[in-house]
């Protein structure tokens, strides 16, 4: 949603591209590799060993990708300052 009276076609296209880019980055940052859920972990002990390792790997992955999510939030906030609100 772009607020204001000056909505040129070029500006609308730029906004659409920014929104698509942000959505792709967020999807990537939140996605978990399918292989991490199915690959047995070596050295795991007990019934909860593989599940615990998978959980730890997912948590590590989310920590590594947190800057991407923060950048998406920052872009959203920066655009809001110009009257462009991404919902």
PDB file of N, CA and C in Angstrom:
ATOM      1  N   UNK A   1       0.854  -1.175   0.000  1.00  0.00           N
ATOM      2  CA  UNK A   1       0.000   0.000   0.000  1.00  0.00           C
ATOM      3  C   UNK A   1       0.891   1.225   0.000  1.00  0.00           C
ATOM      4  N   UNK A   2       0.751   2.063  -0.979  1.00  0.00           N
ATOM      5  CA  UNK A   2       1.505   3.312  -1.046  1.00  0.00           C
ATOM      6  C   UNK A   2       0.553   4.464  -0.781  1.00  0.00           C
ATOM      7  N   UNK A   3       0.845   5.252   0.231  1.00  0.00           N
ATOM      8  CA  UNK A   3       0.004   6.383   0.577  1.00  0.00           C
ATOM      9  C   UNK A   3       0.491   7.625  -0.140  1.00  0.00           C
ATOM     10  N   UNK A   4      -0.414   8.502  -0.472  1.00  0.00           N
ATOM     11  CA  UNK A   4      -0.029   9.747  -1.127  1.00  0.00           C
ATOM     12  C   UNK A   4      -0.610   9.819  -2.519  1.00  0.00           C
ATOM     13  N   UNK A   5      -0.531  10.991  -3.118  1.00  0.00           N
ATOM     14  CA  UNK A   5      -1.144  11.206  -4.415  1.00  0.00           C
ATOM     15  C   UNK A   5      -0.233  10.952  -5.600  1.00  0.00           C
ATOM     16  N   UNK A   6       1.077  10.806  -5.415  1.00  0.00           N
ATOM     17  CA  UNK A   6       2.012  10.673  -6.527  1.00  0.00           C
ATOM     18  C   UNK A   6       2.396   9.198  -6.714  1.00  0.00           C
ATOM     19  N   UNK A   7       1.527   8.442  -7.388  1.00  0.00           N
ATOM     20  CA  UNK A   7       1.784   7.014  -7.601  1.00  0.00           C
ATOM     21  C   UNK A   7       2.055   6.750  -9.077  1.00  0.00           C
ATOM     22  N   UNK A   8       3.251   7.025  -9.528  1.00  0.00           N
ATOM     23  CA  UNK A   8       3.595   6.762 -10.922  1.00  0.00           C
ATOM     24  C   UNK A   8       3.757   5.270 -11.138  1.00  0.00           C
ATOM     25  N   UNK A   9       3.653   4.846 -12.375  1.00  0.00           N
ATOM     26  CA  UNK A   9       3.797   3.437 -12.724  1.00  0.00           C
ATOM     27  C   UNK A   9       5.182   2.919 -12.359  1.00  0.00           C
ATOM     28  N   UNK A  10       6.199   3.732 -12.553  1.00  0.00           N
ATOM     29  CA  UNK A  10       7.567   3.315 -12.234  1.00  0.00           C
ATOM     30  C   UNK A  10       7.710   3.082 -10.733  1.00  0.00           C
ATOM     31  N   UNK A  11       7.209   4.004  -9.935  1.00  0.00           N
ATOM     32  CA  UNK A  11       7.294   3.856  -8.485  1.00  0.00           C
ATOM     33  C   UNK A  11       6.557   2.604  -8.024  1.00  0.00           C
ATOM     34  N   UNK A  12       5.386   2.358  -8.583  1.00  0.00           N
ATOM     35  CA  UNK A  12       4.628   1.156  -8.215  1.00  0.00           C
ATOM     36  C   UNK A  12       5.399  -0.110  -8.576  1.00  0.00           C
ATOM     37  N   UNK A  13       6.060  -0.115  -9.731  1.00  0.00           N
ATOM     38  CA  UNK A  13       6.846  -1.284 -10.138  1.00  0.00           C
ATOM     39  C   UNK A  13       8.036  -1.490  -9.207  1.00  0.00           C
ATOM     40  N   UNK A  14       8.686  -0.411  -8.804  1.00  0.00           N
ATOM     41  CA  UNK A  14       9.812  -0.514  -7.879  1.00  0.00           C
ATOM     42  C   UNK A  14       9.337  -1.079  -6.548  1.00  0.00           C
ATOM     43  N   UNK A  15       8.231  -0.591  -6.058  1.00  0.00           N
ATOM     44  CA  UNK A  15       7.685  -1.084  -4.794  1.00  0.00           C
ATOM     45  C   UNK A  15       7.348  -2.564  -4.905  1.00  0.00           C
ATOM     46  N   UNK A  16       6.708  -2.959  -6.004  1.00  0.00           N
ATOM     47  CA  UNK A  16       6.376  -4.380  -6.209  1.00  0.00           C
ATOM     48  C   UNK A  16       7.626  -5.247  -6.185  1.00  0.00           C
ATOM     49  N   UNK A  17       8.689  -4.789  -6.853  1.00  0.00           N
ATOM     50  CA  UNK A  17       9.937  -5.561  -6.874  1.00  0.00           C
ATOM     51  C   UNK A  17      10.551  -5.657  -5.473  1.00  0.00           C
ATOM     52  N   UNK A  18      10.528  -4.562  -4.730  1.00  0.00           N
ATOM     53  CA  UNK A  18      11.055  -4.584  -3.360  1.00  0.00           C
ATOM     54  C   UNK A  18      10.275  -5.563  -2.490  1.00  0.00           C
ATOM     55  N   UNK A  19       8.973  -5.555  -2.622  1.00  0.00           N
ATOM     56  CA  UNK A  19       8.137  -6.463  -1.836  1.00  0.00           C
ATOM     57  C   UNK A  19       8.419  -7.913  -2.217  1.00  0.00           C
ATOM     58  N   UNK A  20       8.553  -8.192  -3.517  1.00  0.00           N
ATOM     59  CA  UNK A  20       8.865  -9.567  -3.950  1.00  0.00           C
ATOM     60  C   UNK A  20      10.231 -10.016  -3.432  1.00  0.00           C
ATOM     61  N   UNK A  21      11.212  -9.130  -3.526  1.00  0.00           N
ATOM     62  CA  UNK A  21      12.549  -9.455  -3.041  1.00  0.00           C
ATOM     63  C   UNK A  21      12.522  -9.752  -1.548  1.00  0.00           C
ATOM     64  N   UNK A  22      11.875  -8.891  -0.782  1.00  0.00           N
ATOM     65  CA  UNK A  22      11.779  -9.082   0.666  1.00  0.00           C
ATOM     66  C   UNK A  22      11.093 -10.407   0.983  1.00  0.00           C
ATOM     67  N   UNK A  23      10.037 -10.738   0.281  1.00  0.00           N
ATOM     68  CA  UNK A  23       9.317 -11.990   0.515  1.00  0.00           C
ATOM     69  C   UNK A  23      10.214 -13.196   0.231  1.00  0.00           C
ATOM     70  N   UNK A  24      11.001 -13.140  -0.838  1.00  0.00           N
ATOM     71  CA  UNK A  24      11.912 -14.247  -1.157  1.00  0.00           C
ATOM     72  C   UNK A  24      12.973 -14.417  -0.077  1.00  0.00           C
ATOM     73  N   UNK A  25      13.531 -13.311   0.377  1.00  0.00           N
ATOM     74  CA  UNK A  25      14.555 -13.375   1.418  1.00  0.00           C
ATOM     75  C   UNK A  25      13.966 -13.961   2.703  1.00  0.00           C
ATOM     76  N   UNK A  26      12.768 -13.525   3.076  1.00  0.00           N
ATOM     77  CA  UNK A  26      12.131 -14.042   4.293  1.00  0.00           C
ATOM     78  C   UNK A  26      11.847 -15.539   4.169  1.00  0.00           C
ATOM     79  N   UNK A  27      11.336 -15.970   2.994  1.00  0.00           N
ATOM     80  CA  UNK A  27      11.053 -17.402   2.799  1.00  0.00           C
ATOM     81  C   UNK A  27      12.332 -18.222   2.950  1.00  0.00           C
ATOM     82  N   UNK A  28      13.419 -17.731   2.346  1.00  0.00           N
ATOM     83  CA  UNK A  28      14.701 -18.429   2.472  1.00  0.00           C
ATOM     84  C   UNK A  28      15.145 -18.479   3.929  1.00  0.00           C
ATOM     85  N   UNK A  29      15.064 -17.347   4.615  1.00  0.00           N
ATOM     86  CA  UNK A  29      15.544 -17.270   5.995  1.00  0.00           C
ATOM     87  C   UNK A  29      14.742 -18.164   6.917  1.00  0.00           C
ATOM     88  N   UNK A  30      13.470 -18.369   6.635  1.00  0.00           N
ATOM     89  CA  UNK A  30      12.620 -19.179   7.501  1.00  0.00           C
ATOM     90  C   UNK A  30      12.567 -20.646   7.083  1.00  0.00           C
ATOM     91  N   UNK A  31      13.060 -20.965   5.900  1.00  0.00           N
ATOM     92  CA  UNK A  31      13.003 -22.335   5.393  1.00  0.00           C
ATOM     93  C   UNK A  31      14.036 -23.215   6.086  1.00  0.00           C
ATOM     94  N   UNK A  32      13.638 -24.438   6.315  1.00  0.00           N
ATOM     95  CA  UNK A  32      14.555 -25.430   6.868  1.00  0.00           C
ATOM     96  C   UNK A  32      14.847 -26.450   5.779  1.00  0.00           C
ATOM     97  N   UNK A  33      16.097 -26.840   5.644  1.00  0.00           N
ATOM     98  CA  UNK A  33      16.412 -27.853   4.628  1.00  0.00           C
ATOM     99  C   UNK A  33      15.707 -29.164   4.944  1.00  0.00           C
ATOM    100  N   UNK A  34      15.099 -29.751   3.931  1.00  0.00           N
ATOM    101  CA  UNK A  34      14.374 -31.008   4.127  1.00  0.00           C
ATOM    102  C   UNK A  34      15.307 -32.116   4.592  1.00  0.00           C
ATOM    103  N   UNK A  35      16.532 -32.128   4.120  1.00  0.00           N
ATOM    104  CA  UNK A  35      17.484 -33.181   4.474  1.00  0.00           C
ATOM    105  C   UNK A  35      17.759 -33.206   5.969  1.00  0.00           C
ATOM    106  N   UNK A  36      17.688 -32.079   6.642  1.00  0.00           N
ATOM    107  CA  UNK A  36      17.976 -32.024   8.072  1.00  0.00           C
ATOM    108  C   UNK A  36      16.951 -32.811   8.880  1.00  0.00           C
ATOM    109  N   UNK A  37      15.744 -32.973   8.316  1.00  0.00           N
ATOM    110  CA  UNK A  37      14.711 -33.707   9.035  1.00  0.00           C
ATOM    111  C   UNK A  37      14.810 -35.211   8.824  1.00  0.00           C
ATOM    112  N   UNK A  38      15.526 -35.653   7.788  1.00  0.00           N
ATOM    113  CA  UNK A  38      15.523 -37.075   7.463  1.00  0.00           C
ATOM    114  C   UNK A  38      16.870 -37.759   7.642  1.00  0.00           C
ATOM    115  N   UNK A  39      17.949 -37.008   7.704  1.00  0.00           N
ATOM    116  CA  UNK A  39      19.274 -37.609   7.787  1.00  0.00           C
ATOM    117  C   UNK A  39      19.556 -38.035   9.225  1.00  0.00           C
ATOM    118  N   UNK A  40      19.880 -39.318   9.460  1.00  0.00           N
ATOM    119  CA  UNK A  40      20.230 -39.729  10.816  1.00  0.00           C
ATOM    120  C   UNK A  40      21.570 -39.132  11.218  1.00  0.00           C
ATOM    121  N   UNK A  41      21.686 -38.775  12.450  1.00  0.00           N
ATOM    122  CA  UNK A  41      22.902 -38.153  12.955  1.00  0.00           C
ATOM    123  C   UNK A  41      23.818 -39.213  13.551  1.00  0.00           C
ATOM    124  N   UNK A  42      25.085 -39.157  13.172  1.00  0.00           N
ATOM    125  CA  UNK A  42      26.057 -40.096  13.718  1.00  0.00           C
ATOM    126  C   UNK A  42      26.409 -39.714  15.142  1.00  0.00           C
ATOM    127  N   UNK A  43      26.632 -40.723  15.969  1.00  0.00           N
ATOM    128  CA  UNK A  43      27.042 -40.463  17.338  1.00  0.00           C
ATOM    129  C   UNK A  43      25.895 -40.141  18.264  1.00  0.00           C
ATOM    130  N   UNK A  44      24.676 -40.151  17.779  1.00  0.00           N
ATOM    131  CA  UNK A  44      23.524 -39.851  18.636  1.00  0.00           C
ATOM    132  C   UNK A  44      23.232 -41.064  19.500  1.00  0.00           C
ATOM    133  N   UNK A  45      22.898 -40.805  20.741  1.00  0.00           N
ATOM    134  CA  UNK A  45      22.595 -41.890  21.661  1.00  0.00           C
ATOM    135  C   UNK A  45      21.163 -41.782  22.113  1.00  0.00           C
ATOM    136  N   UNK A  46      20.521 -42.935  22.264  1.00  0.00           N
ATOM    137  CA  UNK A  46      19.163 -42.958  22.762  1.00  0.00           C
ATOM    138  C   UNK A  46      18.160 -42.550  21.698  1.00  0.00           C
ATOM    139  N   UNK A  47      16.867 -42.645  22.050  1.00  0.00           N
ATOM    140  CA  UNK A  47      15.805 -42.346  21.096  1.00  0.00           C
ATOM    141  C   UNK A  47      15.708 -40.849  20.815  1.00  0.00           C
ATOM    142  N   UNK A  48      16.080 -40.015  21.767  1.00  0.00           N
ATOM    143  CA  UNK A  48      15.950 -38.578  21.583  1.00  0.00           C
ATOM    144  C   UNK A  48      17.195 -37.937  20.974  1.00  0.00           C
ATOM    145  N   UNK A  49      18.273 -38.701  20.818  1.00  0.00           N
ATOM    146  CA  UNK A  49      19.520 -38.150  20.285  1.00  0.00           C
ATOM    147  C   UNK A  49      19.366 -37.492  18.934  1.00  0.00           C
ATOM    148  N   UNK A  50      18.857 -38.212  17.911  1.00  0.00           N
ATOM    149  CA  UNK A  50      18.727 -37.602  16.584  1.00  0.00           C
ATOM    150  C   UNK A  50      17.782 -36.400  16.593  1.00  0.00           C
ATOM    151  N   UNK A  51      16.690 -36.502  17.320  1.00  0.00           N
ATOM    152  CA  UNK A  51      15.736 -35.384  17.364  1.00  0.00           C
ATOM    153  C   UNK A  51      16.371 -34.158  18.016  1.00  0.00           C
ATOM    154  N   UNK A  52      17.133 -34.371  19.060  1.00  0.00           N
ATOM    155  CA  UNK A  52      17.789 -33.252  19.739  1.00  0.00           C
ATOM    156  C   UNK A  52      18.815 -32.602  18.822  1.00  0.00           C
ATOM    157  N   UNK A  53      19.584 -33.414  18.100  1.00  0.00           N
ATOM    158  CA  UNK A  53      20.569 -32.856  17.172  1.00  0.00           C
ATOM    159  C   UNK A  53      19.891 -32.078  16.050  1.00  0.00           C
ATOM    160  N   UNK A  54      18.767 -32.602  15.542  1.00  0.00           N
ATOM    161  CA  UNK A  54      18.035 -31.896  14.499  1.00  0.00           C
ATOM    162  C   UNK A  54      17.528 -30.559  15.027  1.00  0.00           C
ATOM    163  N   UNK A  55      17.019 -30.562  16.239  1.00  0.00           N
ATOM    164  CA  UNK A  55      16.528 -29.328  16.851  1.00  0.00           C
ATOM    165  C   UNK A  55      17.660 -28.318  16.996  1.00  0.00           C
ATOM    166  N   UNK A  56      18.814 -28.780  17.446  1.00  0.00           N
ATOM    167  CA  UNK A  56      19.966 -27.893  17.608  1.00  0.00           C
ATOM    168  C   UNK A  56      20.425 -27.341  16.255  1.00  0.00           C
ATOM    169  N   UNK A  57      20.408 -28.184  15.215  1.00  0.00           N
ATOM    170  CA  UNK A  57      20.804 -27.719  13.884  1.00  0.00           C
ATOM    171  C   UNK A  57      19.835 -26.658  13.369  1.00  0.00           C
ATOM    172  N   UNK A  58      18.533 -26.870  13.590  1.00  0.00           N
ATOM    173  CA  UNK A  58      17.546 -25.875  13.179  1.00  0.00           C
ATOM    174  C   UNK A  58      17.743 -24.566  13.927  1.00  0.00           C
ATOM    175  N   UNK A  59      18.015 -24.651  15.225  1.00  0.00           N
ATOM    176  CA  UNK A  59      18.243 -23.441  16.018  1.00  0.00           C
ATOM    177  C   UNK A  59      19.484 -22.698  15.524  1.00  0.00           C
ATOM    178  N   UNK A  60      20.543 -23.420  15.219  1.00  0.00           N
ATOM    179  CA  UNK A  60      21.759 -22.805  14.693  1.00  0.00           C
ATOM    180  C   UNK A  60      21.492 -22.130  13.353  1.00  0.00           C
ATOM    181  N   UNK A  61      20.743 -22.806  12.497  1.00  0.00           N
ATOM    182  CA  UNK A  61      20.400 -22.254  11.194  1.00  0.00           C
ATOM    183  C   UNK A  61      19.610 -20.958  11.354  1.00  0.00           C
ATOM    184  N   UNK A  62      18.666 -20.938  12.279  1.00  0.00           N
ATOM    185  CA  UNK A  62      17.872 -19.736  12.509  1.00  0.00           C
ATOM    186  C   UNK A  62      18.735 -18.603  13.074  1.00  0.00           C
ATOM    187  N   UNK A  63      19.698 -18.939  13.921  1.00  0.00           N
ATOM    188  CA  UNK A  63      20.615 -17.904  14.434  1.00  0.00           C
ATOM    189  C   UNK A  63      21.438 -17.313  13.293  1.00  0.00           C
ATOM    190  N   UNK A  64      21.895 -18.169  12.372  1.00  0.00           N
ATOM    191  CA  UNK A  64      22.701 -17.702  11.246  1.00  0.00           C
ATOM    192  C   UNK A  64      21.893 -16.824  10.295  1.00  0.00           C
ATOM    193  N   UNK A  65      20.608 -17.116  10.160  1.00  0.00           N
ATOM    194  CA  UNK A  65      19.767 -16.382   9.218  1.00  0.00           C
ATOM    195  C   UNK A  65      19.046 -15.193   9.858  1.00  0.00           C
ATOM    196  N   UNK A  66      19.200 -15.013  11.147  1.00  0.00           N
ATOM    197  CA  UNK A  66      18.536 -13.914  11.840  1.00  0.00           C
ATOM    198  C   UNK A  66      18.863 -12.550  11.216  1.00  0.00           C
ATOM    199  N   UNK A  67      20.117 -12.299  10.803  1.00  0.00           N
ATOM    200  CA  UNK A  67      20.402 -10.999  10.169  1.00  0.00           C
ATOM    201  C   UNK A  67      19.564 -10.747   8.913  1.00  0.00           C
ATOM    202  N   UNK A  68      19.233 -11.805   8.168  1.00  0.00           N
ATOM    203  CA  UNK A  68      18.381 -11.635   6.986  1.00  0.00           C
ATOM    204  C   UNK A  68      16.993 -11.170   7.383  1.00  0.00           C
ATOM    205  N   UNK A  69      16.444 -11.796   8.422  1.00  0.00           N
ATOM    206  CA  UNK A  69      15.116 -11.404   8.893  1.00  0.00           C
ATOM    207  C   UNK A  69      15.126  -9.986   9.443  1.00  0.00           C
ATOM    208  N   UNK A  70      16.199  -9.637  10.136  1.00  0.00           N
ATOM    209  CA  UNK A  70      16.316  -8.276  10.660  1.00  0.00           C
ATOM    210  C   UNK A  70      16.428  -7.261   9.524  1.00  0.00           C
ATOM    211  N   UNK A  71      17.125  -7.621   8.449  1.00  0.00           N
ATOM    212  CA  UNK A  71      17.239  -6.731   7.295  1.00  0.00           C
ATOM    213  C   UNK A  71      15.874  -6.543   6.634  1.00  0.00           C
ATOM    214  N   UNK A  72      15.076  -7.601   6.577  1.00  0.00           N
ATOM    215  CA  UNK A  72      13.723  -7.490   6.025  1.00  0.00           C
ATOM    216  C   UNK A  72      12.878  -6.552   6.870  1.00  0.00           C
ATOM    217  N   UNK A  73      12.975  -6.698   8.176  1.00  0.00           N
ATOM    218  CA  UNK A  73      12.232  -5.815   9.076  1.00  0.00           C
ATOM    219  C   UNK A  73      12.700  -4.370   8.931  1.00  0.00           C
ATOM    220  N   UNK A  74      13.997  -4.185   8.790  1.00  0.00           N
ATOM    221  CA  UNK A  74      14.554  -2.850   8.635  1.00  0.00           C
ATOM    222  C   UNK A  74      14.050  -2.195   7.342  1.00  0.00           C
ATOM    223  N   UNK A  75      14.051  -2.954   6.248  1.00  0.00           N
ATOM    224  CA  UNK A  75      13.542  -2.437   4.973  1.00  0.00           C
ATOM    225  C   UNK A  75      12.079  -2.037   5.118  1.00  0.00           C
ATOM    226  N   UNK A  76      11.319  -2.876   5.770  1.00  0.00           N
ATOM    227  CA  UNK A  76       9.898  -2.579   5.986  1.00  0.00           C
ATOM    228  C   UNK A  76       9.741  -1.272   6.760  1.00  0.00           C
ATOM    229  N   UNK A  77      10.523  -1.091   7.804  1.00  0.00           N
ATOM    230  CA  UNK A  77      10.463   0.135   8.592  1.00  0.00           C
ATOM    231  C   UNK A  77      10.918   1.357   7.809  1.00  0.00           C
ATOM    232  N   UNK A  78      11.982   1.198   7.031  1.00  0.00           N
ATOM    233  CA  UNK A  78      12.501   2.309   6.226  1.00  0.00           C
ATOM    234  C   UNK A  78      11.469   2.757   5.189  1.00  0.00           C
ATOM    235  N   UNK A  79      10.808   1.794   4.558  1.00  0.00           N
ATOM    236  CA  UNK A  79       9.803   2.140   3.556  1.00  0.00           C
ATOM    237  C   UNK A  79       8.579   2.794   4.206  1.00  0.00           C
ATOM    238  N   UNK A  80       8.255   2.350   5.420  1.00  0.00           N
ATOM    239  CA  UNK A  80       7.113   2.937   6.131  1.00  0.00           C
ATOM    240  C   UNK A  80       7.333   4.430   6.368  1.00  0.00           C
ATOM    241  N   UNK A  81       8.574   4.819   6.559  1.00  0.00           N
ATOM    242  CA  UNK A  81       8.898   6.236   6.767  1.00  0.00           C
ATOM    243  C   UNK A  81       8.557   7.067   5.532  1.00  0.00           C
ATOM    244  N   UNK A  82       8.480   6.413   4.364  1.00  0.00           N
ATOM    245  CA  UNK A  82       8.129   7.086   3.113  1.00  0.00           C
ATOM    246  C   UNK A  82       6.670   6.881   2.750  1.00  0.00           C
ATOM    247  N   UNK A  83       5.901   6.307   3.676  1.00  0.00           N
ATOM    248  CA  UNK A  83       4.484   6.084   3.428  1.00  0.00           C
ATOM    249  C   UNK A  83       4.175   4.814   2.682  1.00  0.00           C
ATOM    250  N   UNK A  84       5.144   3.889   2.606  1.00  0.00           N
ATOM    251  CA  UNK A  84       4.953   2.607   1.925  1.00  0.00           C
ATOM    252  C   UNK A  84       4.868   1.538   3.009  1.00  0.00           C
ATOM    253  N   UNK A  85       3.709   0.913   3.137  1.00  0.00           N
ATOM    254  CA  UNK A  85       3.485  -0.054   4.213  1.00  0.00           C
ATOM    255  C   UNK A  85       3.337  -1.456   3.632  1.00  0.00           C
ATOM    256  N   UNK A  86       4.229  -2.359   4.022  1.00  0.00           N
ATOM    257  CA  UNK A  86       4.190  -3.758   3.580  1.00  0.00           C
ATOM    258  C   UNK A  86       3.456  -4.554   4.643  1.00  0.00           C
ATOM    259  N   UNK A  87       2.393  -5.205   4.230  1.00  0.00           N
ATOM    260  CA  UNK A  87       1.590  -6.013   5.167  1.00  0.00           C
ATOM    261  C   UNK A  87       1.779  -7.477   4.895  1.00  0.00           C
TER     262      UNK A  87
END
